Amino acid sequence: MKNYKFATAFVTLYLIVYTVLLRLKVPLNISLFMFSLSPFLVVWMVYAVLKYAPYINRELNDDEEWGYQDEGPKSTSLS
């Protein structure tokens, strides 16, 4: 599934419904089934976001090791 927005919306809605159903005291087998399914859905969502979401920042240069763009390079000398 290449639509990371759908994955994010679906998993968020699923977890909200799960939480509401817990408060409504649904049968235990439904709660346990939804609970056991939730880690797989979260992993699927993370995979979809990491794989298909656009990266909007600049790429690192060959001499750069870290991609922090909110700060400039810091001096590491102890003198």
PDB file of N, CA and C in Angstrom:
ATOM      1  N   MET A   1       0.847  -1.173   0.000  1.00  0.00           N
ATOM      2  CA  MET A   1       0.000   0.000   0.000  1.00  0.00           C
ATOM      3  C   MET A   1       0.892   1.235   0.000  1.00  0.00           C
ATOM      4  N   LYS A   2       0.811   2.019  -1.045  1.00  0.00           N
ATOM      5  CA  LYS A   2       1.684   3.175  -1.187  1.00  0.00           C
ATOM      6  C   LYS A   2       1.085   4.452  -0.610  1.00  0.00           C
ATOM      7  N   ASN A   3      -0.112   4.402  -0.079  1.00  0.00           N
ATOM      8  CA  ASN A   3      -0.738   5.598   0.452  1.00  0.00           C
ATOM      9  C   ASN A   3      -0.498   5.667   1.959  1.00  0.00           C
ATOM     10  N   TYR A   4       0.551   6.377   2.348  1.00  0.00           N
ATOM     11  CA  TYR A   4       0.904   6.459   3.759  1.00  0.00           C
ATOM     12  C   TYR A   4      -0.138   7.247   4.555  1.00  0.00           C
ATOM     13  N   LYS A   5      -0.848   8.164   3.924  1.00  0.00           N
ATOM     14  CA  LYS A   5      -1.888   8.922   4.636  1.00  0.00           C
ATOM     15  C   LYS A   5      -3.048   8.009   5.016  1.00  0.00           C
ATOM     16  N   PHE A   6      -3.403   7.090   4.127  1.00  0.00           N
ATOM     17  CA  PHE A   6      -4.456   6.133   4.449  1.00  0.00           C
ATOM     18  C   PHE A   6      -4.034   5.245   5.609  1.00  0.00           C
ATOM     19  N   ALA A   7      -2.795   4.767   5.587  1.00  0.00           N
ATOM     20  CA  ALA A   7      -2.308   3.907   6.663  1.00  0.00           C
ATOM     21  C   ALA A   7      -2.348   4.634   7.997  1.00  0.00           C
ATOM     22  N   THR A   8      -1.915   5.888   8.007  1.00  0.00           N
ATOM     23  CA  THR A   8      -1.913   6.667   9.241  1.00  0.00           C
ATOM     24  C   THR A   8      -3.328   6.905   9.749  1.00  0.00           C
ATOM     25  N   ALA A   9      -4.231   7.282   8.866  1.00  0.00           N
ATOM     26  CA  ALA A   9      -5.614   7.534   9.268  1.00  0.00           C
ATOM     27  C   ALA A   9      -6.294   6.251   9.736  1.00  0.00           C
ATOM     28  N   PHE A  10      -6.074   5.159   9.017  1.00  0.00           N
ATOM     29  CA  PHE A  10      -6.718   3.897   9.379  1.00  0.00           C
ATOM     30  C   PHE A  10      -6.259   3.401  10.742  1.00  0.00           C
ATOM     31  N   VAL A  11      -4.962   3.403  10.989  1.00  0.00           N
ATOM     32  CA  VAL A  11      -4.442   2.894  12.263  1.00  0.00           C
ATOM     33  C   VAL A  11      -4.856   3.808  13.411  1.00  0.00           C
ATOM     34  N   THR A  12      -4.855   5.107  13.188  1.00  0.00           N
ATOM     35  CA  THR A  12      -5.303   6.031  14.227  1.00  0.00           C
ATOM     36  C   THR A  12      -6.768   5.798  14.564  1.00  0.00           C
ATOM     37  N   LEU A  13      -7.600   5.674  13.553  1.00  0.00           N
ATOM     38  CA  LEU A  13      -9.017   5.405  13.778  1.00  0.00           C
ATOM     39  C   LEU A  13      -9.225   4.055  14.461  1.00  0.00           C
ATOM     40  N   TYR A  14      -8.472   3.055  14.048  1.00  0.00           N
ATOM     41  CA  TYR A  14      -8.565   1.728  14.660  1.00  0.00           C
ATOM     42  C   TYR A  14      -8.258   1.795  16.153  1.00  0.00           C
ATOM     43  N   LEU A  15      -7.193   2.502  16.523  1.00  0.00           N
ATOM     44  CA  LEU A  15      -6.814   2.583  17.932  1.00  0.00           C
ATOM     45  C   LEU A  15      -7.798   3.421  18.738  1.00  0.00           C
ATOM     46  N   ILE A  16      -8.402   4.426  18.127  1.00  0.00           N
ATOM     47  CA  ILE A  16      -9.437   5.197  18.823  1.00  0.00           C
ATOM     48  C   ILE A  16     -10.665   4.329  19.056  1.00  0.00           C
ATOM     49  N   VAL A  17     -11.074   3.584  18.038  1.00  0.00           N
ATOM     50  CA  VAL A  17     -12.222   2.677  18.187  1.00  0.00           C
ATOM     51  C   VAL A  17     -11.925   1.624  19.245  1.00  0.00           C
ATOM     52  N   TYR A  18     -10.723   1.094  19.254  1.00  0.00           N
ATOM     53  CA  TYR A  18     -10.331   0.106  20.263  1.00  0.00           C
ATOM     54  C   TYR A  18     -10.455   0.693  21.666  1.00  0.00           C
ATOM     55  N   THR A  19      -9.980   1.906  21.856  1.00  0.00           N
ATOM     56  CA  THR A  19     -10.056   2.543  23.168  1.00  0.00           C
ATOM     57  C   THR A  19     -11.503   2.782  23.590  1.00  0.00           C
ATOM     58  N   VAL A  20     -12.331   3.229  22.667  1.00  0.00           N
ATOM     59  CA  VAL A  20     -13.740   3.463  22.980  1.00  0.00           C
ATOM     60  C   VAL A  20     -14.431   2.147  23.321  1.00  0.00           C
ATOM     61  N   LEU A  21     -14.141   1.105  22.562  1.00  0.00           N
ATOM     62  CA  LEU A  21     -14.762  -0.193  22.842  1.00  0.00           C
ATOM     63  C   LEU A  21     -14.344  -0.741  24.198  1.00  0.00           C
ATOM     64  N   LEU A  22     -13.120  -0.479  24.605  1.00  0.00           N
ATOM     65  CA  LEU A  22     -12.703  -0.909  25.938  1.00  0.00           C
ATOM     66  C   LEU A  22     -13.521  -0.213  27.018  1.00  0.00           C
ATOM     67  N   ARG A  23     -13.791   1.063  26.821  1.00  0.00           N
ATOM     68  CA  ARG A  23     -14.584   1.812  27.800  1.00  0.00           C
ATOM     69  C   ARG A  23     -16.040   1.351  27.811  1.00  0.00           C
ATOM     70  N   LEU A  24     -16.513   0.821  26.682  1.00  0.00           N
ATOM     71  CA  LEU A  24     -17.888   0.332  26.601  1.00  0.00           C
ATOM     72  C   LEU A  24     -18.017  -1.114  27.073  1.00  0.00           C
ATOM     73  N   LYS A  25     -16.918  -1.686  27.504  1.00  0.00           N
ATOM     74  CA  LYS A  25     -16.881  -3.046  28.057  1.00  0.00           C
ATOM     75  C   LYS A  25     -17.404  -4.093  27.069  1.00  0.00           C
ATOM     76  N   VAL A  26     -16.772  -4.152  25.908  1.00  0.00           N
ATOM     77  CA  VAL A  26     -17.104  -5.185  24.923  1.00  0.00           C
ATOM     78  C   VAL A  26     -16.589  -6.534  25.435  1.00  0.00           C
ATOM     79  N   PRO A  27     -17.038  -7.635  24.849  1.00  0.00           N
ATOM     80  CA  PRO A  27     -16.559  -8.949  25.293  1.00  0.00           C
ATOM     81  C   PRO A  27     -15.037  -9.074  25.205  1.00  0.00           C
ATOM     82  N   LEU A  28     -14.498  -9.884  26.076  1.00  0.00           N
ATOM     83  CA  LEU A  28     -13.051 -10.021  26.201  1.00  0.00           C
ATOM     84  C   LEU A  28     -12.401 -10.547  24.925  1.00  0.00           C
ATOM     85  N   ASN A  29     -13.054 -11.475  24.234  1.00  0.00           N
ATOM     86  CA  ASN A  29     -12.429 -12.032  23.027  1.00  0.00           C
ATOM     87  C   ASN A  29     -12.261 -10.980  21.926  1.00  0.00           C
ATOM     88  N   ILE A  30     -13.198 -10.051  21.819  1.00  0.00           N
ATOM     89  CA  ILE A  30     -13.059  -8.969  20.837  1.00  0.00           C
ATOM     90  C   ILE A  30     -11.923  -8.037  21.240  1.00  0.00           C
ATOM     91  N   SER A  31     -11.861  -7.707  22.518  1.00  0.00           N
ATOM     92  CA  SER A  31     -10.789  -6.830  23.009  1.00  0.00           C
ATOM     93  C   SER A  31      -9.419  -7.453  22.791  1.00  0.00           C
ATOM     94  N   LEU A  32      -9.284  -8.724  23.100  1.00  0.00           N
ATOM     95  CA  LEU A  32      -7.991  -9.390  22.933  1.00  0.00           C
ATOM     96  C   LEU A  32      -7.609  -9.525  21.462  1.00  0.00           C
ATOM     97  N   PHE A  33      -8.596  -9.779  20.610  1.00  0.00           N
ATOM     98  CA  PHE A  33      -8.307  -9.862  19.180  1.00  0.00           C
ATOM     99  C   PHE A  33      -7.815  -8.523  18.642  1.00  0.00           C
ATOM    100  N   MET A  34      -8.510  -7.456  18.997  1.00  0.00           N
ATOM    101  CA  MET A  34      -8.095  -6.131  18.530  1.00  0.00           C
ATOM    102  C   MET A  34      -6.738  -5.751  19.106  1.00  0.00           C
ATOM    103  N   PHE A  35      -6.505  -6.111  20.361  1.00  0.00           N
ATOM    104  CA  PHE A  35      -5.215  -5.815  20.985  1.00  0.00           C
ATOM    105  C   PHE A  35      -4.086  -6.571  20.289  1.00  0.00           C
ATOM    106  N   SER A  36      -4.324  -7.829  19.960  1.00  0.00           N
ATOM    107  CA  SER A  36      -3.276  -8.624  19.313  1.00  0.00           C
ATOM    108  C   SER A  36      -3.013  -8.173  17.875  1.00  0.00           C
ATOM    109  N   LEU A  37      -3.982  -7.562  17.251  1.00  0.00           N
ATOM    110  CA  LEU A  37      -3.812  -7.074  15.887  1.00  0.00           C
ATOM    111  C   LEU A  37      -3.114  -5.713  15.835  1.00  0.00           C
ATOM    112  N   SER A  38      -3.214  -4.940  16.900  1.00  0.00           N
ATOM    113  CA  SER A  38      -2.713  -3.559  16.876  1.00  0.00           C
ATOM    114  C   SER A  38      -1.206  -3.426  16.645  1.00  0.00           C
ATOM    115  N   PRO A  39      -0.327  -4.267  17.202  1.00  0.00           N
ATOM    116  CA  PRO A  39       1.099  -4.085  16.900  1.00  0.00           C
ATOM    117  C   PRO A  39       1.426  -4.254  15.416  1.00  0.00           C
ATOM    118  N   PHE A  40       0.759  -5.178  14.750  1.00  0.00           N
ATOM    119  CA  PHE A  40       0.996  -5.385  13.325  1.00  0.00           C
ATOM    120  C   PHE A  40       0.541  -4.178  12.510  1.00  0.00           C
ATOM    121  N   LEU A  41      -0.575  -3.596  12.920  1.00  0.00           N
ATOM    122  CA  LEU A  41      -1.057  -2.405  12.222  1.00  0.00           C
ATOM    123  C   LEU A  41      -0.116  -1.223  12.420  1.00  0.00           C
ATOM    124  N   VAL A  42       0.411  -1.075  13.622  1.00  0.00           N
ATOM    125  CA  VAL A  42       1.344   0.027  13.886  1.00  0.00           C
ATOM    126  C   VAL A  42       2.633  -0.166  13.093  1.00  0.00           C
ATOM    127  N   VAL A  43       3.135  -1.390  13.032  1.00  0.00           N
ATOM    128  CA  VAL A  43       4.341  -1.663  12.242  1.00  0.00           C
ATOM    129  C   VAL A  43       4.073  -1.380  10.764  1.00  0.00           C
ATOM    130  N   TRP A  44       2.914  -1.769  10.260  1.00  0.00           N
ATOM    131  CA  TRP A  44       2.544  -1.487   8.871  1.00  0.00           C
ATOM    132  C   TRP A  44       2.497   0.017   8.615  1.00  0.00           C
ATOM    133  N   MET A  45       1.924   0.771   9.569  1.00  0.00           N
ATOM    134  CA  MET A  45       1.851   2.217   9.414  1.00  0.00           C
ATOM    135  C   MET A  45       3.245   2.840   9.385  1.00  0.00           C
ATOM    136  N   VAL A  46       4.105   2.425  10.298  1.00  0.00           N
ATOM    137  CA  VAL A  46       5.469   2.959  10.337  1.00  0.00           C
ATOM    138  C   VAL A  46       6.204   2.634   9.039  1.00  0.00           C
ATOM    139  N   TYR A  47       6.065   1.417   8.564  1.00  0.00           N
ATOM    140  CA  TYR A  47       6.692   1.026   7.298  1.00  0.00           C
ATOM    141  C   TYR A  47       6.194   1.899   6.146  1.00  0.00           C
ATOM    142  N   ALA A  48       4.883   2.101   6.075  1.00  0.00           N
ATOM    143  CA  ALA A  48       4.313   2.899   4.989  1.00  0.00           C
ATOM    144  C   ALA A  48       4.807   4.340   5.045  1.00  0.00           C
ATOM    145  N   VAL A  49       4.892   4.907   6.235  1.00  0.00           N
ATOM    146  CA  VAL A  49       5.353   6.291   6.359  1.00  0.00           C
ATOM    147  C   VAL A  49       6.825   6.399   5.988  1.00  0.00           C
ATOM    148  N   LEU A  50       7.649   5.489   6.496  1.00  0.00           N
ATOM    149  CA  LEU A  50       9.079   5.562   6.199  1.00  0.00           C
ATOM    150  C   LEU A  50       9.379   5.293   4.726  1.00  0.00           C
ATOM    151  N   LYS A  51       8.622   4.414   4.113  1.00  0.00           N
ATOM    152  CA  LYS A  51       8.902   4.035   2.730  1.00  0.00           C
ATOM    153  C   LYS A  51       8.311   5.013   1.716  1.00  0.00           C
ATOM    154  N   TYR A  52       7.102   5.511   1.959  1.00  0.00           N
ATOM    155  CA  TYR A  52       6.388   6.243   0.918  1.00  0.00           C
ATOM    156  C   TYR A  52       6.158   7.722   1.200  1.00  0.00           C
ATOM    157  N   ALA A  53       6.373   8.187   2.418  1.00  0.00           N
ATOM    158  CA  ALA A  53       6.181   9.617   2.691  1.00  0.00           C
ATOM    159  C   ALA A  53       7.315  10.408   2.047  1.00  0.00           C
ATOM    160  N   PRO A  54       7.012  11.562   1.501  1.00  0.00           N
ATOM    161  CA  PRO A  54       8.067  12.344   0.835  1.00  0.00           C
ATOM    162  C   PRO A  54       9.033  12.948   1.848  1.00  0.00           C
ATOM    163  N   TYR A  55      10.296  12.995   1.465  1.00  0.00           N
ATOM    164  CA  TYR A  55      11.327  13.629   2.281  1.00  0.00           C
ATOM    165  C   TYR A  55      11.542  15.023   1.727  1.00  0.00           C
ATOM    166  N   ILE A  56      11.280  16.059   2.536  1.00  0.00           N
ATOM    167  CA  ILE A  56      11.280  17.421   2.011  1.00  0.00           C
ATOM    168  C   ILE A  56      12.512  18.226   2.396  1.00  0.00           C
ATOM    169  N   ASN A  57      13.438  17.666   3.126  1.00  0.00           N
ATOM    170  CA  ASN A  57      14.660  18.374   3.495  1.00  0.00           C
ATOM    171  C   ASN A  57      15.768  18.063   2.500  1.00  0.00           C
ATOM    172  N   ARG A  58      16.867  18.782   2.609  1.00  0.00           N
ATOM    173  CA  ARG A  58      17.972  18.568   1.678  1.00  0.00           C
ATOM    174  C   ARG A  58      18.696  17.266   2.017  1.00  0.00           C
ATOM    175  N   GLU A  59      19.348  16.702   1.021  1.00  0.00           N
ATOM    176  CA  GLU A  59      20.138  15.490   1.216  1.00  0.00           C
ATOM    177  C   GLU A  59      21.480  15.848   1.842  1.00  0.00           C
ATOM    178  N   LEU A  60      22.091  14.904   2.526  1.00  0.00           N
ATOM    179  CA  LEU A  60      23.396  15.136   3.128  1.00  0.00           C
ATOM    180  C   LEU A  60      24.478  15.151   2.061  1.00  0.00           C
ATOM    181  N   ASN A  61      25.494  15.976   2.285  1.00  0.00           N
ATOM    182  CA  ASN A  61      26.663  15.971   1.408  1.00  0.00           C
ATOM    183  C   ASN A  61      27.541  14.781   1.753  1.00  0.00           C
ATOM    184  N   ASP A  62      28.541  14.512   0.927  1.00  0.00           N
ATOM    185  CA  ASP A  62      29.424  13.372   1.168  1.00  0.00           C
ATOM    186  C   ASP A  62      30.217  13.515   2.460  1.00  0.00           C
ATOM    187  N   ASP A  63      30.530  14.749   2.867  1.00  0.00           N
ATOM    188  CA  ASP A  63      31.337  14.951   4.072  1.00  0.00           C
ATOM    189  C   ASP A  63      30.488  15.136   5.329  1.00  0.00           C
ATOM    190  N   GLU A  64      29.187  15.009   5.236  1.00  0.00           N
ATOM    191  CA  GLU A  64      28.299  15.175   6.388  1.00  0.00           C
ATOM    192  C   GLU A  64      27.881  13.813   6.922  1.00  0.00           C
ATOM    193  N   GLU A  65      27.915  13.717   8.246  1.00  0.00           N
ATOM    194  CA  GLU A  65      27.540  12.457   8.875  1.00  0.00           C
ATOM    195  C   GLU A  65      26.128  12.514   9.454  1.00  0.00           C
ATOM    196  N   TRP A  66      25.730  13.669   9.959  1.00  0.00           N
ATOM    197  CA  TRP A  66      24.422  13.818  10.583  1.00  0.00           C
ATOM    198  C   TRP A  66      23.599  14.825   9.803  1.00  0.00           C
ATOM    199  N   GLY A  67      22.316  14.695   9.876  1.00  0.00           N
ATOM    200  CA  GLY A  67      21.444  15.562   9.102  1.00  0.00           C
ATOM    201  C   GLY A  67      20.683  16.582   9.915  1.00  0.00           C
ATOM    202  N   TYR A  68      21.222  17.020  11.045  1.00  0.00           N
ATOM    203  CA  TYR A  68      20.527  18.030  11.835  1.00  0.00           C
ATOM    204  C   TYR A  68      20.586  19.359  11.107  1.00  0.00           C
ATOM    205  N   GLN A  69      19.443  19.903  10.760  1.00  0.00           N
ATOM    206  CA  GLN A  69      19.423  21.129   9.980  1.00  0.00           C
ATOM    207  C   GLN A  69      19.004  22.337  10.806  1.00  0.00           C
ATOM    208  N   ASP A  70      18.695  22.140  12.074  1.00  0.00           N
ATOM    209  CA  ASP A  70      18.289  23.271  12.885  1.00  0.00           C
ATOM    210  C   ASP A  70      19.471  23.945  13.576  1.00  0.00           C
ATOM    211  N   GLU A  71      20.652  23.354  13.540  1.00  0.00           N
ATOM    212  CA  GLU A  71      21.837  23.919  14.162  1.00  0.00           C
ATOM    213  C   GLU A  71      23.020  23.791  13.214  1.00  0.00           C
ATOM    214  N   GLY A  72      23.971  24.694  13.382  1.00  0.00           N
ATOM    215  CA  GLY A  72      25.200  24.596  12.611  1.00  0.00           C
ATOM    216  C   GLY A  72      26.151  23.608  13.266  1.00  0.00           C
ATOM    217  N   PRO A  73      27.296  23.369  12.643  1.00  0.00           N
ATOM    218  CA  PRO A  73      28.270  22.445  13.236  1.00  0.00           C
ATOM    219  C   PRO A  73      28.833  23.015  14.529  1.00  0.00           C
ATOM    220  N   LYS A  74      29.042  22.141  15.492  1.00  0.00           N
ATOM    221  CA  LYS A  74      29.573  22.554  16.785  1.00  0.00           C
ATOM    222  C   LYS A  74      31.034  22.157  16.884  1.00  0.00           C
ATOM    223  N   SER A  75      31.783  22.959  17.602  1.00  0.00           N
ATOM    224  CA  SER A  75      33.188  22.656  17.833  1.00  0.00           C
ATOM    225  C   SER A  75      33.292  21.588  18.909  1.00  0.00           C
ATOM    226  N   THR A  76      34.163  20.613  18.697  1.00  0.00           N
ATOM    227  CA  THR A  76      34.324  19.540  19.679  1.00  0.00           C
ATOM    228  C   THR A  76      35.662  19.604  20.386  1.00  0.00           C
ATOM    229  N   SER A  77      36.420  20.680  20.188  1.00  0.00           N
ATOM    230  CA  SER A  77      37.733  20.771  20.833  1.00  0.00           C
ATOM    231  C   SER A  77      37.560  21.059  22.315  1.00  0.00           C
ATOM    232  N   LEU A  78      38.444  20.491  23.123  1.00  0.00           N
ATOM    233  CA  LEU A  78      38.384  20.663  24.566  1.00  0.00           C
ATOM    234  C   LEU A  78      39.315  21.756  25.060  1.00  0.00           C
ATOM    235  N   SER A  79      40.033  22.430  24.197  1.00  0.00           N
ATOM    236  CA  SER A  79      40.986  23.452  24.626  1.00  0.00           C
ATOM    237  C   SER A  79      40.337  24.786  24.879  1.00  0.00           C
TER     238      SER A  79
END
